[in-house]
Amino acid sequence: MITIGVISYKNDVPSLQQVRGTPADGAVIAPGESYYDLDYLKSNVEQLREQLVQLFLKKNDFLDEEVVQLSQKLDQDILGIQLKMMQKKGDCV
């Protein structure tokens, strides 16, 4: 299982909003299911992407440690979506 977390950054960069239906203190898996469906993951990726753009505009440096960390987190989340989609496609075959 891939755990998707929420990253909050300082310096006037807007933090991610809590997605409706998710617990405020982190991920919890319900018996037999996870709330990490594709819609949630896609929404999270879009929020991270927007946050990355804002952070880069503030730092103006692709090599800034915070920019790199957020970019890597975004990469992980995109891979998580791709894995979910491949698993879903495999279930349908």
C-alpha atoms as a PDB file:
ATOM      1  CA  MET A   1       0.000   0.000   0.000  1.00  0.00           C
ATOM      2  CA  ILE A   2       1.172   3.497  -0.781  1.00  0.00           C
ATOM      3  CA  THR A   3       0.498   6.037   1.923  1.00  0.00           C
ATOM      4  CA  ILE A   4      -0.290   9.525   0.708  1.00  0.00           C
ATOM      5  CA  GLY A   5       0.390  12.265   3.206  1.00  0.00           C
ATOM      6  CA  VAL A   6      -0.169  15.967   3.339  1.00  0.00           C
ATOM      7  CA  ILE A   7       2.826  18.286   3.297  1.00  0.00           C
ATOM      8  CA  SER A   8       2.587  21.767   4.710  1.00  0.00           C
ATOM      9  CA  TYR A   9       5.213  24.381   3.934  1.00  0.00           C
ATOM     10  CA  LYS A  10       6.075  27.606   5.702  1.00  0.00           C
ATOM     11  CA  ASN A  11       6.886  30.993   4.182  1.00  0.00           C
ATOM     12  CA  ASP A  12       3.440  32.028   2.962  1.00  0.00           C
ATOM     13  CA  VAL A  13       3.007  29.038   0.657  1.00  0.00           C
ATOM     14  CA  PRO A  14      -0.583  27.820   0.922  1.00  0.00           C
ATOM     15  CA  SER A  15      -0.947  24.437   2.549  1.00  0.00           C
ATOM     16  CA  LEU A  16      -3.108  21.643   1.204  1.00  0.00           C
ATOM     17  CA  GLN A  17      -6.728  21.630   2.229  1.00  0.00           C
ATOM     18  CA  GLN A  18      -8.068  18.614   4.034  1.00  0.00           C
ATOM     19  CA  VAL A  19     -10.093  16.556   1.617  1.00  0.00           C
ATOM     20  CA  ARG A  20     -13.672  16.030   2.788  1.00  0.00           C
ATOM     21  CA  GLY A  21     -14.082  12.629   4.363  1.00  0.00           C
ATOM     22  CA  THR A  22     -10.450  12.161   5.357  1.00  0.00           C
ATOM     23  CA  PRO A  23      -9.378  12.227   8.981  1.00  0.00           C
ATOM     24  CA  ALA A  24      -7.559  15.364  10.157  1.00  0.00           C
ATOM     25  CA  ASP A  25      -4.781  13.388  11.829  1.00  0.00           C
ATOM     26  CA  GLY A  26      -3.766  11.199   8.891  1.00  0.00           C
ATOM     27  CA  ALA A  27      -4.642   8.104   6.958  1.00  0.00           C
ATOM     28  CA  VAL A  28      -6.908   5.432   8.347  1.00  0.00           C
ATOM     29  CA  ILE A  29      -7.874   2.302   6.468  1.00  0.00           C
ATOM     30  CA  ALA A  30     -11.424   1.122   6.899  1.00  0.00           C
ATOM     31  CA  PRO A  31     -11.984  -2.636   7.046  1.00  0.00           C
ATOM     32  CA  GLY A  32     -11.654  -3.979   3.526  1.00  0.00           C
ATOM     33  CA  GLU A  33     -11.247  -0.601   1.867  1.00  0.00           C
ATOM     34  CA  SER A  34      -9.269   2.635   1.751  1.00  0.00           C
ATOM     35  CA  TYR A  35     -10.516   6.145   1.135  1.00  0.00           C
ATOM     36  CA  TYR A  36      -7.621   6.548  -1.293  1.00  0.00           C
ATOM     37  CA  ASP A  37      -9.708   6.152  -4.411  1.00  0.00           C
ATOM     38  CA  LEU A  38      -8.589   7.592  -7.731  1.00  0.00           C
ATOM     39  CA  ASP A  39     -10.612  10.784  -7.328  1.00  0.00           C
ATOM     40  CA  TYR A  40      -8.965  11.497  -3.983  1.00  0.00           C
ATOM     41  CA  LEU A  41      -5.498  10.740  -5.353  1.00  0.00           C
ATOM     42  CA  LYS A  42      -6.051  12.922  -8.416  1.00  0.00           C
ATOM     43  CA  SER A  43      -7.330  15.771  -6.264  1.00  0.00           C
ATOM     44  CA  ASN A  44      -4.311  15.445  -3.991  1.00  0.00           C
ATOM     45  CA  VAL A  45      -1.929  15.485  -6.985  1.00  0.00           C
ATOM     46  CA  GLU A  46      -3.578  18.618  -8.348  1.00  0.00           C
ATOM     47  CA  GLN A  47      -3.253  20.332  -4.968  1.00  0.00           C
ATOM     48  CA  LEU A  48       0.408  19.319  -4.712  1.00  0.00           C
ATOM     49  CA  ARG A  49       1.036  20.560  -8.245  1.00  0.00           C
ATOM     50  CA  GLU A  50      -0.473  23.938  -7.454  1.00  0.00           C
ATOM     51  CA  GLN A  51       1.529  24.113  -4.233  1.00  0.00           C
ATOM     52  CA  LEU A  52       4.721  23.238  -6.140  1.00  0.00           C
ATOM     53  CA  VAL A  53       4.114  26.030  -8.655  1.00  0.00           C
ATOM     54  CA  GLN A  54       3.580  28.548  -5.841  1.00  0.00           C
ATOM     55  CA  LEU A  55       6.656  27.340  -3.980  1.00  0.00           C
ATOM     56  CA  PHE A  56       8.819  27.566  -7.095  1.00  0.00           C
ATOM     57  CA  LEU A  57       7.546  31.078  -7.857  1.00  0.00           C
ATOM     58  CA  LYS A  58       8.489  32.090  -4.327  1.00  0.00           C
ATOM     59  CA  LYS A  59      11.910  30.402  -4.292  1.00  0.00           C
ATOM     60  CA  ASN A  60      12.703  30.885  -7.996  1.00  0.00           C
ATOM     61  CA  ASP A  61      15.077  27.915  -7.801  1.00  0.00           C
ATOM     62  CA  PHE A  62      14.402  24.393  -9.034  1.00  0.00           C
ATOM     63  CA  LEU A  63      17.219  23.115  -6.813  1.00  0.00           C
ATOM     64  CA  ASP A  64      15.866  24.579  -3.582  1.00  0.00           C
ATOM     65  CA  GLU A  65      15.531  21.772  -1.015  1.00  0.00           C
ATOM     66  CA  GLU A  66      11.825  22.416  -0.364  1.00  0.00           C
ATOM     67  CA  VAL A  67      11.060  22.553  -4.098  1.00  0.00           C
ATOM     68  CA  VAL A  68      12.907  19.287  -4.698  1.00  0.00           C
ATOM     69  CA  GLN A  69      11.165  17.575  -1.770  1.00  0.00           C
ATOM     70  CA  LEU A  70       7.719  18.662  -2.904  1.00  0.00           C
ATOM     71  CA  SER A  71       8.513  17.670  -6.497  1.00  0.00           C
ATOM     72  CA  GLN A  72       9.578  14.207  -5.318  1.00  0.00           C
ATOM     73  CA  LYS A  73       6.377  13.894  -3.259  1.00  0.00           C
ATOM     74  CA  LEU A  74       4.359  14.815  -6.330  1.00  0.00           C
ATOM     75  CA  ASP A  75       6.243  12.175  -8.349  1.00  0.00           C
ATOM     76  CA  GLN A  76       5.441   9.531  -5.723  1.00  0.00           C
ATOM     77  CA  ASP A  77       1.767  10.445  -5.737  1.00  0.00           C
ATOM     78  CA  ILE A  78       1.593  10.326  -9.541  1.00  0.00           C
ATOM     79  CA  LEU A  79       3.166   6.865  -9.439  1.00  0.00           C
ATOM     80  CA  GLY A  80       0.576   5.898  -6.817  1.00  0.00           C
ATOM     81  CA  ILE A  81      -2.197   6.878  -9.230  1.00  0.00           C
ATOM     82  CA  GLN A  82      -0.577   4.923 -12.043  1.00  0.00           C
ATOM     83  CA  LEU A  83      -0.291   1.848  -9.815  1.00  0.00           C
ATOM     84  CA  LYS A  84      -3.940   2.140  -8.764  1.00  0.00           C
ATOM     85  CA  MET A  85      -5.003   2.467 -12.404  1.00  0.00           C
ATOM     86  CA  MET A  86      -2.947  -0.582 -13.403  1.00  0.00           C
ATOM     87  CA  GLN A  87      -4.412  -2.592 -10.500  1.00  0.00           C
ATOM     88  CA  LYS A  88      -7.927  -1.505 -11.427  1.00  0.00           C
ATOM     89  CA  LYS A  89      -7.315  -2.413 -15.070  1.00  0.00           C
ATOM     90  CA  GLY A  90      -5.963  -5.811 -13.969  1.00  0.00           C
ATOM     91  CA  ASP A  91      -9.094  -6.425 -11.895  1.00  0.00           C
ATOM     92  CA  CYS A  92     -11.301  -5.792 -14.932  1.00  0.00           C
ATOM     93  CA  VAL A  93      -9.475  -8.184 -17.252  1.00  0.00           C
END
